Amino acid sequence: MQGSGMKQFISVTDVANINALVKQALVYKANPLADRQLGENKRIGLLFLNPSLRTRLSTQIAARNLGMEAVVFNIDKEGWALEFEEGAIMSGNTVEHVKDAGPVLGLYFDILCIRTFPSLKNREDDYSEMFINQFIKYAGVPVVSLESATLHPLQSLTDLVTIQETINNNAKLQTPNAKPKIVLTWAPHIKPLPQCVANSFAQWINAWGEAEFVITHPHEYELAEQFTKGATITHDQDAALQGADFVYVKNWSTYTDYGKMYENDPEWMLTEEKLKATRNAKVMHCLPVRRNVELSDEVLDSTHSLVTQQAGNRVWAAQAVLSDILKTKK
């Protein structure tokens, strides 16, 4: 059986059919070992320039369900400091260039997965996605993003899997010709965070095209238009929540005056009281979450919360992606 032609997984633009990929993830959830021989004698490398919990473990489990051997390497702690700039004079702290390391890793692994975060210091550098693009350029094998400077596609696929699963199990959300209302809301935090999850979620929901999509945030927290175009954007959180079916909660730092946190207004934290304006909305968050800063205990511990289900679905999203790439390679 052939895949849909996915040769890498960096953003939603690598996916030929979003609904088919979501459906495959749910098929794997029902039967995790359905393709346990697909990855037999194949090896996947998981390279981390930054720490991880769900992304690392879920991708390892997904690879194992497909019969692959997974090798984890924490470059930031266990490897040489890598250089990514072309033409660099390596007289500083970096020890090995990605153009030397990348091809070697391509010999070791059939699929290479990379996780890196933005610096939040220079927007042009971060949004160039140099780190992951250099691995793509030099590794010579399919590359999967485990989060990059601007996007987190495995998380966003998981989010859509969770939304679709919830719709499948809720007759009230299956009204003919009616689209669910999905709200992405900014939340307070104690420090500036990347825009990756918010960018990616907006990109995927817009590409999916089967929802009424609203983004709400304080003034000056606009995201890059390349990801949000197609969504309704408002600074009025209460208005945004009216009639919502799903509310995705996430903090992000400023984009225009890059990487800043202008305010930490607790009024933006989602509460049970605010959810009364919704259609008994389900609440999502990518985790980790700072309780009673981003989201209140009363919401996280209520029947509104999908966060544990959402985190569990990380396995099936990763498995669907790896499966598609393996089938394409055959």
C-alpha atoms as a PDB file:
ATOM      1  CA  MET A   1       0.000   0.000   0.000  1.00  0.00           C
ATOM      2  CA  GLN A   2       1.383   3.375  -1.017  1.00  0.00           C
ATOM      3  CA  GLY A   3       1.258   6.560   1.037  1.00  0.00           C
ATOM      4  CA  SER A   4      -0.154   9.850  -0.191  1.00  0.00           C
ATOM      5  CA  GLY A   5       3.282  10.972  -1.342  1.00  0.00           C
ATOM      6  CA  MET A   6       4.393  12.738   1.848  1.00  0.00           C
ATOM      7  CA  LYS A   7       8.186  13.010   1.682  1.00  0.00           C
ATOM      8  CA  GLN A   8       8.602  15.158   4.800  1.00  0.00           C
ATOM      9  CA  PHE A   9       6.435  16.630   7.539  1.00  0.00           C
ATOM     10  CA  ILE A  10       7.263  20.238   8.334  1.00  0.00           C
ATOM     11  CA  SER A  11       3.889  21.954   7.955  1.00  0.00           C
ATOM     12  CA  VAL A  12       0.346  21.386   6.711  1.00  0.00           C
ATOM     13  CA  THR A  13       1.548  22.132   3.176  1.00  0.00           C
ATOM     14  CA  ASP A  14       3.240  18.707   3.154  1.00  0.00           C
ATOM     15  CA  VAL A  15      -0.136  16.985   3.575  1.00  0.00           C
ATOM     16  CA  ALA A  16      -2.131  16.069   0.477  1.00  0.00           C
ATOM     17  CA  ASN A  17      -5.355  15.194   2.323  1.00  0.00           C
ATOM     18  CA  ILE A  18      -5.848  16.437   5.887  1.00  0.00           C
ATOM     19  CA  ASN A  19      -9.036  14.459   6.528  1.00  0.00           C
ATOM     20  CA  ALA A  20      -7.433  11.231   5.302  1.00  0.00           C
ATOM     21  CA  LEU A  21      -4.489  11.725   7.660  1.00  0.00           C
ATOM     22  CA  VAL A  22      -6.834  12.459  10.582  1.00  0.00           C
ATOM     23  CA  LYS A  23      -8.871   9.363   9.733  1.00  0.00           C
ATOM     24  CA  GLN A  24      -5.736   7.218   9.620  1.00  0.00           C
ATOM     25  CA  ALA A  25      -4.719   8.459  13.074  1.00  0.00           C
ATOM     26  CA  LEU A  26      -8.101   7.377  14.461  1.00  0.00           C
ATOM     27  CA  VAL A  27      -7.765   4.003  12.712  1.00  0.00           C
ATOM     28  CA  TYR A  28      -4.460   3.504  14.521  1.00  0.00           C
ATOM     29  CA  LYS A  29      -6.044   4.523  17.811  1.00  0.00           C
ATOM     30  CA  ALA A  30      -8.585   1.716  17.348  1.00  0.00           C
ATOM     31  CA  ASN A  31      -5.902  -0.766  16.235  1.00  0.00           C
ATOM     32  CA  PRO A  32      -2.403   0.418  17.215  1.00  0.00           C
ATOM     33  CA  LEU A  33      -0.535  -2.564  15.767  1.00  0.00           C
ATOM     34  CA  ALA A  34      -2.360  -2.763  12.427  1.00  0.00           C
ATOM     35  CA  ASP A  35       0.859  -1.965  10.534  1.00  0.00           C
ATOM     36  CA  ARG A  36       3.399  -3.352  12.983  1.00  0.00           C
ATOM     37  CA  GLN A  37       5.524  -4.803  10.163  1.00  0.00           C
ATOM     38  CA  LEU A  38       5.565  -1.638   8.052  1.00  0.00           C
ATOM     39  CA  GLY A  39       8.685  -0.273   9.721  1.00  0.00           C
ATOM     40  CA  GLU A  40      10.446  -3.571  10.231  1.00  0.00           C
ATOM     41  CA  ASN A  41      14.221  -3.160   9.859  1.00  0.00           C
ATOM     42  CA  LYS A  42      13.763   0.624   9.674  1.00  0.00           C
ATOM     43  CA  ARG A  43      15.332   3.098  12.066  1.00  0.00           C
ATOM     44  CA  ILE A  44      14.099   6.519  13.155  1.00  0.00           C
ATOM     45  CA  GLY A  45      16.323   9.159  14.740  1.00  0.00           C
ATOM     46  CA  LEU A  46      14.825  11.680  17.162  1.00  0.00           C
ATOM     47  CA  LEU A  47      17.155  14.655  17.567  1.00  0.00           C
ATOM     48  CA  PHE A  48      16.412  17.171  20.290  1.00  0.00           C
ATOM     49  CA  LEU A  49      18.024  20.580  20.454  1.00  0.00           C
ATOM     50  CA  ASN A  50      15.468  21.390  23.158  1.00  0.00           C
ATOM     51  CA  PRO A  51      13.664  19.322  25.800  1.00  0.00           C
ATOM     52  CA  SER A  52      10.452  17.388  25.296  1.00  0.00           C
ATOM     53  CA  LEU A  53       8.026  15.119  27.107  1.00  0.00           C
ATOM     54  CA  ARG A  54       4.923  14.302  25.013  1.00  0.00           C
ATOM     55  CA  THR A  55       6.557  14.826  21.623  1.00  0.00           C
ATOM     56  CA  ARG A  56       9.472  12.546  22.424  1.00  0.00           C
ATOM     57  CA  LEU A  57       7.555   9.741  24.101  1.00  0.00           C
ATOM     58  CA  SER A  58       4.586   9.717  21.728  1.00  0.00           C
ATOM     59  CA  THR A  59       6.822   9.602  18.644  1.00  0.00           C
ATOM     60  CA  GLN A  60       8.886   6.777  20.129  1.00  0.00           C
ATOM     61  CA  ILE A  61       5.717   4.787  20.863  1.00  0.00           C
ATOM     62  CA  ALA A  62       4.309   5.522  17.410  1.00  0.00           C
ATOM     63  CA  ALA A  63       7.511   4.324  15.737  1.00  0.00           C
ATOM     64  CA  ARG A  64       7.527   1.163  17.840  1.00  0.00           C
ATOM     65  CA  ASN A  65       3.896   0.439  16.921  1.00  0.00           C
ATOM     66  CA  LEU A  66       5.040   0.440  13.288  1.00  0.00           C
ATOM     67  CA  GLY A  67       7.950  -1.892  14.037  1.00  0.00           C
ATOM     68  CA  MET A  68      10.672   0.773  13.825  1.00  0.00           C
ATOM     69  CA  GLU A  69      13.679   1.081  16.069  1.00  0.00           C
ATOM     70  CA  ALA A  70      13.781   4.556  17.639  1.00  0.00           C
ATOM     71  CA  VAL A  71      17.033   6.207  18.700  1.00  0.00           C
ATOM     72  CA  VAL A  72      16.868   9.406  20.771  1.00  0.00           C
ATOM     73  CA  PHE A  73      19.757  11.852  20.786  1.00  0.00           C
ATOM     74  CA  ASN A  74      19.745  15.048  22.854  1.00  0.00           C
ATOM     75  CA  ILE A  75      22.120  17.204  20.842  1.00  0.00           C
ATOM     76  CA  ASP A  76      21.998  20.032  23.365  1.00  0.00           C
ATOM     77  CA  LYS A  77      23.303  17.773  26.146  1.00  0.00           C
ATOM     78  CA  GLU A  78      25.040  14.806  24.527  1.00  0.00           C
ATOM     79  CA  GLY A  79      26.435  16.008  21.192  1.00  0.00           C
ATOM     80  CA  TRP A  80      28.799  18.520  19.672  1.00  0.00           C
ATOM     81  CA  ALA A  81      27.623  22.089  19.322  1.00  0.00           C
ATOM     82  CA  LEU A  82      26.443  22.314  15.721  1.00  0.00           C
ATOM     83  CA  GLU A  83      27.066  25.111  13.239  1.00  0.00           C
ATOM     84  CA  PHE A  84      24.246  25.902  10.786  1.00  0.00           C
ATOM     85  CA  GLU A  85      25.496  29.019   8.945  1.00  0.00           C
ATOM     86  CA  GLU A  86      26.812  28.472   5.438  1.00  0.00           C
ATOM     87  CA  GLY A  87      30.402  29.599   5.007  1.00  0.00           C
ATOM     88  CA  ALA A  88      30.946  29.966   8.743  1.00  0.00           C
ATOM     89  CA  ILE A  89      34.493  30.344  10.047  1.00  0.00           C
ATOM     90  CA  MET A  90      34.235  27.863  12.905  1.00  0.00           C
ATOM     91  CA  SER A  91      36.627  29.510  15.345  1.00  0.00           C
ATOM     92  CA  GLY A  92      33.992  29.854  18.098  1.00  0.00           C
ATOM     93  CA  ASN A  93      31.990  27.423  20.226  1.00  0.00           C
ATOM     94  CA  THR A  94      30.559  25.275  17.436  1.00  0.00           C
ATOM     95  CA  VAL A  95      32.437  22.036  16.774  1.00  0.00           C
ATOM     96  CA  GLU A  96      30.690  20.389  13.824  1.00  0.00           C
ATOM     97  CA  HIS A  97      28.837  21.755  10.796  1.00  0.00           C
ATOM     98  CA  VAL A  98      25.409  20.421   9.896  1.00  0.00           C
ATOM     99  CA  LYS A  99      26.668  19.782   6.341  1.00  0.00           C
ATOM    100  CA  ASP A 100      29.007  17.176   7.868  1.00  0.00           C
ATOM    101  CA  ALA A 101      26.673  15.827  10.553  1.00  0.00           C
ATOM    102  CA  GLY A 102      23.521  15.753   8.378  1.00  0.00           C
ATOM    103  CA  PRO A 103      24.700  13.276   5.731  1.00  0.00           C
ATOM    104  CA  VAL A 104      26.030  10.931   8.427  1.00  0.00           C
ATOM    105  CA  LEU A 105      22.684  10.975  10.206  1.00  0.00           C
ATOM    106  CA  GLY A 106      21.051  10.252   6.865  1.00  0.00           C
ATOM    107  CA  LEU A 107      23.152   7.092   6.645  1.00  0.00           C
ATOM    108  CA  TYR A 108      22.153   6.015  10.144  1.00  0.00           C
ATOM    109  CA  PHE A 109      18.393   6.624   9.890  1.00  0.00           C
ATOM    110  CA  ASP A 110      15.509   6.059   7.475  1.00  0.00           C
ATOM    111  CA  ILE A 111      13.552   8.991   8.947  1.00  0.00           C
ATOM    112  CA  LEU A 112      15.078  11.898  10.862  1.00  0.00           C
ATOM    113  CA  CYS A 113      13.029  13.906  13.363  1.00  0.00           C
ATOM    114  CA  ILE A 114      14.195  17.300  14.645  1.00  0.00           C
ATOM    115  CA  ARG A 115      13.019  19.487  17.529  1.00  0.00           C
ATOM    116  CA  THR A 116      14.259  23.028  17.934  1.00  0.00           C
ATOM    117  CA  PHE A 117      12.874  26.245  19.413  1.00  0.00           C
ATOM    118  CA  PRO A 118      13.172  29.890  18.332  1.00  0.00           C
ATOM    119  CA  SER A 119      15.571  32.258  20.036  1.00  0.00           C
ATOM    120  CA  LEU A 120      12.808  34.918  20.279  1.00  0.00           C
ATOM    121  CA  LYS A 121      15.562  37.491  19.705  1.00  0.00           C
ATOM    122  CA  ASN A 122      15.677  37.893  15.932  1.00  0.00           C
ATOM    123  CA  ARG A 123      12.444  37.363  14.002  1.00  0.00           C
ATOM    124  CA  GLU A 124      14.116  37.139  10.610  1.00  0.00           C
ATOM    125  CA  ASP A 125      16.448  34.385  11.809  1.00  0.00           C
ATOM    126  CA  ASP A 126      13.715  32.407  13.544  1.00  0.00           C
ATOM    127  CA  TYR A 127      11.225  32.666  10.689  1.00  0.00           C
ATOM    128  CA  SER A 128      13.859  31.571   8.161  1.00  0.00           C
ATOM    129  CA  GLU A 129      13.670  28.113   9.843  1.00  0.00           C
ATOM    130  CA  MET A 130      17.387  27.700   9.160  1.00  0.00           C
ATOM    131  CA  PHE A 131      18.001  24.830  11.591  1.00  0.00           C
ATOM    132  CA  ILE A 132      15.406  22.415  10.262  1.00  0.00           C
ATOM    133  CA  ASN A 133      15.929  23.500   6.657  1.00  0.00           C
ATOM    134  CA  GLN A 134      19.634  22.736   6.894  1.00  0.00           C
ATOM    135  CA  PHE A 135      18.865  19.213   8.097  1.00  0.00           C
ATOM    136  CA  ILE A 136      16.435  18.803   5.179  1.00  0.00           C
ATOM    137  CA  LYS A 137      19.128  20.054   2.798  1.00  0.00           C
ATOM    138  CA  TYR A 138      21.904  17.754   3.982  1.00  0.00           C
ATOM    139  CA  ALA A 139      20.382  14.618   5.548  1.00  0.00           C
ATOM    140  CA  GLY A 140      19.056  13.049   2.351  1.00  0.00           C
ATOM    141  CA  VAL A 141      16.196  11.259   4.172  1.00  0.00           C
ATOM    142  CA  PRO A 142      12.664  12.359   5.117  1.00  0.00           C
ATOM    143  CA  VAL A 143      12.641  14.913   7.930  1.00  0.00           C
ATOM    144  CA  VAL A 144       9.802  15.242  10.451  1.00  0.00           C
ATOM    145  CA  SER A 145       9.400  18.361  12.583  1.00  0.00           C
ATOM    146  CA  LEU A 146       9.021  17.680  16.287  1.00  0.00           C
ATOM    147  CA  GLU A 147       8.554  21.470  16.582  1.00  0.00           C
ATOM    148  CA  SER A 148      10.529  24.149  14.821  1.00  0.00           C
ATOM    149  CA  ALA A 149      11.091  27.869  15.276  1.00  0.00           C
ATOM    150  CA  THR A 150       7.667  28.796  13.891  1.00  0.00           C
ATOM    151  CA  LEU A 151       5.477  25.658  13.722  1.00  0.00           C
ATOM    152  CA  HIS A 152       4.502  22.486  15.581  1.00  0.00           C
ATOM    153  CA  PRO A 153       2.734  20.348  12.962  1.00  0.00           C
ATOM    154  CA  LEU A 154       2.504  17.121  14.974  1.00  0.00           C
ATOM    155  CA  GLN A 155       0.701  19.025  17.721  1.00  0.00           C
ATOM    156  CA  SER A 156      -1.686  20.617  15.223  1.00  0.00           C
ATOM    157  CA  LEU A 157      -2.484  17.307  13.549  1.00  0.00           C
ATOM    158  CA  THR A 158      -3.178  15.924  17.020  1.00  0.00           C
ATOM    159  CA  ASP A 159      -5.473  18.851  17.711  1.00  0.00           C
ATOM    160  CA  LEU A 160      -7.491  18.153  14.570  1.00  0.00           C
ATOM    161  CA  VAL A 161      -7.629  14.440  15.412  1.00  0.00           C
ATOM    162  CA  THR A 162      -9.019  15.358  18.844  1.00  0.00           C
ATOM    163  CA  ILE A 163     -11.556  17.788  17.376  1.00  0.00           C
ATOM    164  CA  GLN A 164     -12.726  15.252  14.785  1.00  0.00           C
ATOM    165  CA  GLU A 165     -12.916  12.497  17.392  1.00  0.00           C
ATOM    166  CA  THR A 166     -15.031  14.729  19.621  1.00  0.00           C
ATOM    167  CA  ILE A 167     -17.343  15.609  16.730  1.00  0.00           C
ATOM    168  CA  ASN A 168     -17.691  11.905  15.866  1.00  0.00           C
ATOM    169  CA  ASN A 169     -18.804  11.186  19.444  1.00  0.00           C
ATOM    170  CA  ASN A 170     -21.190  14.127  19.815  1.00  0.00           C
ATOM    171  CA  ALA A 171     -24.402  14.164  17.793  1.00  0.00           C
ATOM    172  CA  LYS A 172     -24.971  17.855  18.576  1.00  0.00           C
ATOM    173  CA  LEU A 173     -21.815  18.702  16.601  1.00  0.00           C
ATOM    174  CA  GLN A 174     -22.943  16.726  13.550  1.00  0.00           C
ATOM    175  CA  THR A 175     -25.656  19.097  12.347  1.00  0.00           C
ATOM    176  CA  PRO A 176     -25.779  19.033   8.525  1.00  0.00           C
ATOM    177  CA  ASN A 177     -24.131  22.058   6.880  1.00  0.00           C
ATOM    178  CA  ALA A 178     -23.143  23.472  10.291  1.00  0.00           C
ATOM    179  CA  LYS A 179     -19.482  24.104  11.004  1.00  0.00           C
ATOM    180  CA  PRO A 180     -18.120  23.899  14.562  1.00  0.00           C
ATOM    181  CA  LYS A 181     -16.931  27.173  16.011  1.00  0.00           C
ATOM    182  CA  ILE A 182     -13.302  26.951  17.091  1.00  0.00           C
ATOM    183  CA  VAL A 183     -11.689  29.723  19.122  1.00  0.00           C
ATOM    184  CA  LEU A 184      -7.964  30.155  19.666  1.00  0.00           C
ATOM    185  CA  THR A 185      -7.477  32.400  22.682  1.00  0.00           C
ATOM    186  CA  TRP A 186      -4.316  33.965  24.041  1.00  0.00           C
ATOM    187  CA  ALA A 187      -3.603  33.246  27.707  1.00  0.00           C
ATOM    188  CA  PRO A 188      -1.397  34.882  30.339  1.00  0.00           C
ATOM    189  CA  HIS A 189       2.027  33.448  31.176  1.00  0.00           C
ATOM    190  CA  ILE A 190       5.011  34.347  33.334  1.00  0.00           C
ATOM    191  CA  LYS A 191       7.414  34.605  30.375  1.00  0.00           C
ATOM    192  CA  PRO A 192       7.334  35.157  26.604  1.00  0.00           C
ATOM    193  CA  LEU A 193       6.665  31.930  24.702  1.00  0.00           C
ATOM    194  CA  PRO A 194       7.153  31.060  21.008  1.00  0.00           C
ATOM    195  CA  GLN A 195       4.358  31.537  18.495  1.00  0.00           C
ATOM    196  CA  CYS A 196       4.851  27.990  17.116  1.00  0.00           C
ATOM    197  CA  VAL A 197       1.755  26.256  18.487  1.00  0.00           C
ATOM    198  CA  ALA A 198      -0.557  29.187  17.770  1.00  0.00           C
ATOM    199  CA  ASN A 199       0.879  29.680  14.263  1.00  0.00           C
ATOM    200  CA  SER A 200       0.550  26.014  13.492  1.00  0.00           C
ATOM    201  CA  PHE A 201      -2.956  25.601  14.891  1.00  0.00           C
ATOM    202  CA  ALA A 202      -4.152  28.584  12.863  1.00  0.00           C
ATOM    203  CA  GLN A 203      -2.477  27.260   9.721  1.00  0.00           C
ATOM    204  CA  TRP A 204      -4.069  23.812  10.081  1.00  0.00           C
ATOM    205  CA  ILE A 205      -7.582  24.987  10.971  1.00  0.00           C
ATOM    206  CA  ASN A 206      -7.557  27.421   8.044  1.00  0.00           C
ATOM    207  CA  ALA A 207      -6.299  24.721   5.679  1.00  0.00           C
ATOM    208  CA  TRP A 208      -8.892  22.255   6.992  1.00  0.00           C
ATOM    209  CA  GLY A 209     -11.615  24.760   6.144  1.00  0.00           C
ATOM    210  CA  GLU A 210     -14.399  22.976   7.987  1.00  0.00           C
ATOM    211  CA  ALA A 211     -14.842  25.309  10.956  1.00  0.00           C
ATOM    212  CA  GLU A 212     -15.805  28.832  11.876  1.00  0.00           C
ATOM    213  CA  PHE A 213     -12.434  29.971  13.192  1.00  0.00           C
ATOM    214  CA  VAL A 214     -11.875  32.917  15.537  1.00  0.00           C
ATOM    215  CA  ILE A 215      -8.598  34.083  17.092  1.00  0.00           C
ATOM    216  CA  THR A 216      -8.732  36.377  20.109  1.00  0.00           C
ATOM    217  CA  HIS A 217      -5.836  38.099  21.848  1.00  0.00           C
ATOM    218  CA  PRO A 218      -4.880  41.419  23.470  1.00  0.00           C
ATOM    219  CA  HIS A 219      -3.767  44.319  21.293  1.00  0.00           C
ATOM    220  CA  GLU A 220      -0.271  43.936  19.834  1.00  0.00           C
ATOM    221  CA  TYR A 221      -0.281  40.125  20.042  1.00  0.00           C
ATOM    222  CA  GLU A 222      -1.108  39.634  16.360  1.00  0.00           C
ATOM    223  CA  LEU A 223       0.367  36.542  14.749  1.00  0.00           C
ATOM    224  CA  ALA A 224       1.959  36.398  11.303  1.00  0.00           C
ATOM    225  CA  GLU A 225      -0.726  36.851   8.646  1.00  0.00           C
ATOM    226  CA  GLN A 226       0.705  33.980   6.599  1.00  0.00           C
ATOM    227  CA  PHE A 227      -0.712  31.644   9.244  1.00  0.00           C
ATOM    228  CA  THR A 228      -3.878  33.465  10.360  1.00  0.00           C
ATOM    229  CA  LYS A 229      -5.306  34.614   7.013  1.00  0.00           C
ATOM    230  CA  GLY A 230      -8.857  33.322   6.777  1.00  0.00           C
ATOM    231  CA  ALA A 231      -9.602  33.528  10.494  1.00  0.00           C
ATOM    232  CA  THR A 232     -11.709  36.172  12.229  1.00  0.00           C
ATOM    233  CA  ILE A 233      -9.496  38.114  14.639  1.00  0.00           C
ATOM    234  CA  THR A 234     -10.806  40.068  17.619  1.00  0.00           C
ATOM    235  CA  HIS A 235      -9.440  41.632  20.810  1.00  0.00           C
ATOM    236  CA  ASP A 236     -12.731  40.934  22.618  1.00  0.00           C
ATOM    237  CA  GLN A 237     -12.395  37.521  24.257  1.00  0.00           C
ATOM    238  CA  ASP A 238     -15.970  37.482  25.575  1.00  0.00           C
ATOM    239  CA  ALA A 239     -17.381  38.133  22.112  1.00  0.00           C
ATOM    240  CA  ALA A 240     -15.128  35.469  20.599  1.00  0.00           C
ATOM    241  CA  LEU A 241     -16.339  32.838  23.064  1.00  0.00           C
ATOM    242  CA  GLN A 242     -20.008  33.340  22.205  1.00  0.00           C
ATOM    243  CA  GLY A 243     -21.350  30.050  20.840  1.00  0.00           C
ATOM    244  CA  ALA A 244     -17.937  28.357  20.697  1.00  0.00           C
ATOM    245  CA  ASP A 245     -17.739  24.569  20.446  1.00  0.00           C
ATOM    246  CA  PHE A 246     -13.974  24.301  21.018  1.00  0.00           C
ATOM    247  CA  VAL A 247     -11.652  26.704  22.811  1.00  0.00           C
ATOM    248  CA  TYR A 248      -7.912  26.301  22.341  1.00  0.00           C
ATOM    249  CA  VAL A 249      -5.913  28.091  25.022  1.00  0.00           C
ATOM    250  CA  LYS A 250      -2.307  29.145  24.406  1.00  0.00           C
ATOM    251  CA  ASN A 251       0.112  31.901  25.308  1.00  0.00           C
ATOM    252  CA  TRP A 252       2.418  33.435  22.720  1.00  0.00           C
ATOM    253  CA  SER A 253       4.787  36.398  22.665  1.00  0.00           C
ATOM    254  CA  THR A 254       4.579  39.390  20.358  1.00  0.00           C
ATOM    255  CA  TYR A 255       5.356  39.038  16.662  1.00  0.00           C
ATOM    256  CA  THR A 256       5.747  42.630  15.420  1.00  0.00           C
ATOM    257  CA  ASP A 257       7.980  43.868  18.257  1.00  0.00           C
ATOM    258  CA  TYR A 258       9.396  40.394  18.356  1.00  0.00           C
ATOM    259  CA  GLY A 259       9.479  38.057  21.343  1.00  0.00           C
ATOM    260  CA  LYS A 260       8.104  40.430  23.972  1.00  0.00           C
ATOM    261  CA  MET A 261       5.488  40.095  26.710  1.00  0.00           C
ATOM    262  CA  TYR A 262       3.747  43.433  27.206  1.00  0.00           C
ATOM    263  CA  GLU A 263       1.238  42.294  29.773  1.00  0.00           C
ATOM    264  CA  ASN A 264       0.224  39.390  31.928  1.00  0.00           C
ATOM    265  CA  ASP A 265      -3.413  40.311  32.436  1.00  0.00           C
ATOM    266  CA  PRO A 266      -5.093  37.577  34.532  1.00  0.00           C
ATOM    267  CA  GLU A 267      -8.436  38.607  33.029  1.00  0.00           C
ATOM    268  CA  TRP A 268      -7.465  36.621  29.929  1.00  0.00           C
ATOM    269  CA  MET A 269      -7.321  33.346  31.858  1.00  0.00           C
ATOM    270  CA  LEU A 270     -10.177  31.054  30.813  1.00  0.00           C
ATOM    271  CA  THR A 271     -12.644  30.253  33.609  1.00  0.00           C
ATOM    272  CA  GLU A 272     -15.898  28.338  34.048  1.00  0.00           C
ATOM    273  CA  GLU A 273     -17.738  31.654  34.159  1.00  0.00           C
ATOM    274  CA  LYS A 274     -16.436  32.637  30.727  1.00  0.00           C
ATOM    275  CA  LEU A 275     -17.387  29.237  29.317  1.00  0.00           C
ATOM    276  CA  LYS A 276     -21.047  29.924  30.064  1.00  0.00           C
ATOM    277  CA  ALA A 277     -21.170  31.962  26.847  1.00  0.00           C
ATOM    278  CA  THR A 278     -20.103  28.927  24.801  1.00  0.00           C
ATOM    279  CA  ARG A 279     -22.051  25.909  23.608  1.00  0.00           C
ATOM    280  CA  ASN A 280     -20.663  23.846  26.479  1.00  0.00           C
ATOM    281  CA  ALA A 281     -17.329  24.119  24.690  1.00  0.00           C
ATOM    282  CA  LYS A 282     -14.525  21.617  24.996  1.00  0.00           C
ATOM    283  CA  VAL A 283     -11.234  23.163  26.093  1.00  0.00           C
ATOM    284  CA  MET A 284      -7.858  22.301  24.621  1.00  0.00           C
ATOM    285  CA  HIS A 285      -4.239  23.040  25.519  1.00  0.00           C
ATOM    286  CA  CYS A 286      -1.031  21.497  24.161  1.00  0.00           C
ATOM    287  CA  LEU A 287       0.587  21.069  27.628  1.00  0.00           C
ATOM    288  CA  PRO A 288       2.568  21.736  29.702  1.00  0.00           C
ATOM    289  CA  VAL A 289       0.139  24.186  31.278  1.00  0.00           C
ATOM    290  CA  ARG A 290       0.708  26.554  34.184  1.00  0.00           C
ATOM    291  CA  ARG A 291      -2.380  26.020  36.271  1.00  0.00           C
ATOM    292  CA  ASN A 292      -4.240  29.083  37.466  1.00  0.00           C
ATOM    293  CA  VAL A 293      -2.127  31.267  35.184  1.00  0.00           C
ATOM    294  CA  GLU A 294      -3.029  30.059  31.693  1.00  0.00           C
ATOM    295  CA  LEU A 295      -6.015  27.946  32.704  1.00  0.00           C
ATOM    296  CA  SER A 296      -7.903  27.623  35.967  1.00  0.00           C
ATOM    297  CA  ASP A 297      -8.072  24.393  37.935  1.00  0.00           C
ATOM    298  CA  GLU A 298     -11.835  24.480  37.640  1.00  0.00           C
ATOM    299  CA  VAL A 299     -11.635  24.248  33.843  1.00  0.00           C
ATOM    300  CA  LEU A 300      -8.728  21.817  33.616  1.00  0.00           C
ATOM    301  CA  ASP A 301     -10.358  19.413  36.075  1.00  0.00           C
ATOM    302  CA  SER A 302     -13.844  19.691  34.555  1.00  0.00           C
ATOM    303  CA  THR A 303     -15.669  17.767  31.845  1.00  0.00           C
ATOM    304  CA  HIS A 304     -14.884  20.679  29.505  1.00  0.00           C
ATOM    305  CA  SER A 305     -11.226  19.666  29.366  1.00  0.00           C
ATOM    306  CA  LEU A 306      -9.833  17.582  26.512  1.00  0.00           C
ATOM    307  CA  VAL A 307      -6.183  18.080  27.454  1.00  0.00           C
ATOM    308  CA  THR A 308      -5.476  14.488  28.559  1.00  0.00           C
ATOM    309  CA  GLN A 309      -7.288  12.986  25.560  1.00  0.00           C
ATOM    310  CA  GLN A 310      -5.472  15.463  23.350  1.00  0.00           C
ATOM    311  CA  ALA A 311      -2.070  14.462  24.764  1.00  0.00           C
ATOM    312  CA  GLY A 312      -2.909  10.784  24.317  1.00  0.00           C
ATOM    313  CA  ASN A 313      -3.704  11.393  20.671  1.00  0.00           C
ATOM    314  CA  ARG A 314      -0.144  12.549  20.067  1.00  0.00           C
ATOM    315  CA  VAL A 315       0.777   8.882  19.524  1.00  0.00           C
ATOM    316  CA  TRP A 316      -1.788   8.324  16.779  1.00  0.00           C
ATOM    317  CA  ALA A 317      -0.995  11.561  14.960  1.00  0.00           C
ATOM    318  CA  ALA A 318       2.701  10.678  14.895  1.00  0.00           C
ATOM    319  CA  GLN A 319       1.918   7.129  13.816  1.00  0.00           C
ATOM    320  CA  ALA A 320      -0.209   8.346  10.895  1.00  0.00           C
ATOM    321  CA  VAL A 321       2.600  10.639   9.714  1.00  0.00           C
ATOM    322  CA  LEU A 322       5.359   8.041  10.011  1.00  0.00           C
ATOM    323  CA  SER A 323       3.176   5.441   8.327  1.00  0.00           C
ATOM    324  CA  ASP A 324       2.489   7.721   5.375  1.00  0.00           C
ATOM    325  CA  ILE A 325       6.176   8.474   4.912  1.00  0.00           C
ATOM    326  CA  LEU A 326       7.137   4.795   5.155  1.00  0.00           C
ATOM    327  CA  LYS A 327       4.495   3.849   2.577  1.00  0.00           C
ATOM    328  CA  THR A 328       5.685   6.621   0.282  1.00  0.00           C
ATOM    329  CA  LYS A 329       9.289   5.389   0.531  1.00  0.00           C
ATOM    330  CA  LYS A 330       8.345   1.845  -0.516  1.00  0.00           C
END
